[in-house]
Structures are given as structure tokens and as C-alpha cells.
């Protein structure tokens, strides 16, 4: 009586599965990193608006902003 042979491992399939798992893990890591950076940017934007330190808005009044007053008497 002959014993049936053991099943041969499919190395190509196993390798492909490892590659897919590695790629999925890398994409997930990049997504988490991107989400974290976006969340920090949102927090920074909210903090700047609340503190009134947004440099994109011009300040109110003053002869420096008008450009016509040189500070010298006429």
C-alpha cells in the first residue's frame, strides 16, 4: 500500500498574500498619517481664528494702512 503524498505548498500564492497584506498595511498607515495631519491643520486654523491672529486679514484703521499719510506735516 502506498501512502498519498503530502500536499505541496503553493509558495507563489503565499507570497502574493504577503505582498497584498503589506500593501494594505502601508496604505492604511498613509491614510492615518494624512488624517492626523488634516486634523492638526483644522485645529490650527480654528485656534488662529479664535485668537484673532489670522495674518491674511488686514488690520483696522491707522495711517500705515491708507498709504496717503506719510506722517510729515504739510
C-alpha atoms as a PDB file:
ATOM      1  CA  UNK A   1       0.000   0.000   0.000  1.00  0.00           C
ATOM      2  CA  UNK A   2       1.228   3.412  -0.957  1.00  0.00           C
ATOM      3  CA  UNK A   3       0.724   6.440   1.206  1.00  0.00           C
ATOM      4  CA  UNK A   4      -0.760   9.521  -0.537  1.00  0.00           C
ATOM      5  CA  UNK A   5       1.755  12.305  -0.996  1.00  0.00           C
ATOM      6  CA  UNK A   6       1.565  15.352   1.206  1.00  0.00           C
ATOM      7  CA  UNK A   7       0.085  18.448  -0.336  1.00  0.00           C
ATOM      8  CA  UNK A   8       2.739  20.735  -1.823  1.00  0.00           C
ATOM      9  CA  UNK A   9       2.755  24.306  -0.529  1.00  0.00           C
ATOM     10  CA  UNK A  10       1.881  26.962  -3.083  1.00  0.00           C
ATOM     11  CA  UNK A  11       4.688  29.445  -2.494  1.00  0.00           C
ATOM     12  CA  UNK A  12       3.517  31.849  -5.201  1.00  0.00           C
ATOM     13  CA  UNK A  13       0.095  32.177  -3.594  1.00  0.00           C
ATOM     14  CA  UNK A  14       1.584  32.677  -0.131  1.00  0.00           C
ATOM     15  CA  UNK A  15       3.990  35.305  -1.430  1.00  0.00           C
ATOM     16  CA  UNK A  16       1.175  37.190  -3.179  1.00  0.00           C
ATOM     17  CA  UNK A  17      -0.900  37.133   0.006  1.00  0.00           C
ATOM     18  CA  UNK A  18       2.025  38.559   1.996  1.00  0.00           C
ATOM     19  CA  UNK A  19       2.541  41.296  -0.622  1.00  0.00           C
ATOM     20  CA  UNK A  20      -1.151  42.234  -0.545  1.00  0.00           C
ATOM     21  CA  UNK A  21      -1.146  42.363   3.257  1.00  0.00           C
ATOM     22  CA  UNK A  22       1.975  44.530   3.238  1.00  0.00           C
ATOM     23  CA  UNK A  23       0.469  46.901   0.651  1.00  0.00           C
ATOM     24  CA  UNK A  24      -2.796  47.171   2.614  1.00  0.00           C
ATOM     25  CA  UNK A  25      -0.895  47.932   5.816  1.00  0.00           C
ATOM     26  CA  UNK A  26       1.153  50.629   4.063  1.00  0.00           C
ATOM     27  CA  UNK A  27      -1.962  52.283   2.610  1.00  0.00           C
ATOM     28  CA  UNK A  28      -3.669  52.228   5.994  1.00  0.00           C
ATOM     29  CA  UNK A  29      -0.627  53.833   7.609  1.00  0.00           C
ATOM     30  CA  UNK A  30      -0.553  56.588   4.978  1.00  0.00           C
ATOM     31  CA  UNK A  31      -4.296  57.193   5.421  1.00  0.00           C
ATOM     32  CA  UNK A  32      -3.924  57.513   9.207  1.00  0.00           C
ATOM     33  CA  UNK A  33      -0.978  59.885   8.768  1.00  0.00           C
ATOM     34  CA  UNK A  34      -2.919  62.022   6.265  1.00  0.00           C
ATOM     35  CA  UNK A  35      -5.983  62.126   8.548  1.00  0.00           C
ATOM     36  CA  UNK A  36      -3.817  63.134  11.502  1.00  0.00           C
ATOM     37  CA  UNK A  37      -2.200  65.969   9.516  1.00  0.00           C
ATOM     38  CA  UNK A  38      -5.595  67.211   8.320  1.00  0.00           C
ATOM     39  CA  UNK A  39      -6.939  67.149  11.884  1.00  0.00           C
ATOM     40  CA  UNK A  40      -3.942  69.112  13.160  1.00  0.00           C
ATOM     41  CA  UNK A  41      -4.360  71.656  10.360  1.00  0.00           C
ATOM     42  CA  UNK A  42      -8.046  72.069  11.270  1.00  0.00           C
ATOM     43  CA  UNK A  43      -7.169  72.592  14.932  1.00  0.00           C
ATOM     44  CA  UNK A  44      -4.518  75.155  13.998  1.00  0.00           C
ATOM     45  CA  UNK A  45      -6.961  77.022  11.742  1.00  0.00           C
ATOM     46  CA  UNK A  46      -9.599  77.101  14.461  1.00  0.00           C
ATOM     47  CA  UNK A  47      -7.077  78.280  17.032  1.00  0.00           C
ATOM     48  CA  UNK A  48      -5.849  81.100  14.771  1.00  0.00           C
ATOM     49  CA  UNK A  49      -9.401  82.305  14.093  1.00  0.00           C
ATOM     50  CA  UNK A  50     -10.328  82.241  17.767  1.00  0.00           C
ATOM     51  CA  UNK A  51      -7.187  84.118  18.806  1.00  0.00           C
ATOM     52  CA  UNK A  52      -7.556  86.681  16.027  1.00  0.00           C
ATOM     53  CA  UNK A  53      -4.049  86.095  14.745  1.00  0.00           C
ATOM     54  CA  UNK A  54      -5.032  85.358  11.159  1.00  0.00           C
ATOM     55  CA  UNK A  55      -2.477  87.334   9.174  1.00  0.00           C
ATOM     56  CA  UNK A  56      -4.489  87.199   5.953  1.00  0.00           C
ATOM     57  CA  UNK A  57      -6.966  89.778   7.290  1.00  0.00           C
ATOM     58  CA  UNK A  58      -5.872  93.435   7.185  1.00  0.00           C
ATOM     59  CA  UNK A  59      -5.822  95.293  10.475  1.00  0.00           C
ATOM     60  CA  UNK A  60      -8.338  98.057  11.118  1.00  0.00           C
ATOM     61  CA  UNK A  61      -7.567 101.772  10.540  1.00  0.00           C
ATOM     62  CA  UNK A  62      -4.305 103.602  11.100  1.00  0.00           C
ATOM     63  CA  UNK A  63      -2.251 105.820   8.794  1.00  0.00           C
ATOM     64  CA  UNK A  64       0.100 102.934   7.923  1.00  0.00           C
ATOM     65  CA  UNK A  65      -2.671 101.093   6.079  1.00  0.00           C
ATOM     66  CA  UNK A  66      -4.037 104.005   3.988  1.00  0.00           C
ATOM     67  CA  UNK A  67      -0.808 104.811   2.194  1.00  0.00           C
ATOM     68  CA  UNK A  68      -1.712 108.525   1.873  1.00  0.00           C
ATOM     69  CA  UNK A  69      -0.497 109.789   5.230  1.00  0.00           C
ATOM     70  CA  UNK A  70       3.306 109.927   5.373  1.00  0.00           C
ATOM     71  CA  UNK A  71       3.421 111.232   8.930  1.00  0.00           C
ATOM     72  CA  UNK A  72       5.058 114.509   7.789  1.00  0.00           C
ATOM     73  CA  UNK A  73       3.375 117.906   8.225  1.00  0.00           C
ATOM     74  CA  UNK A  74       2.055 119.578   5.047  1.00  0.00           C
END
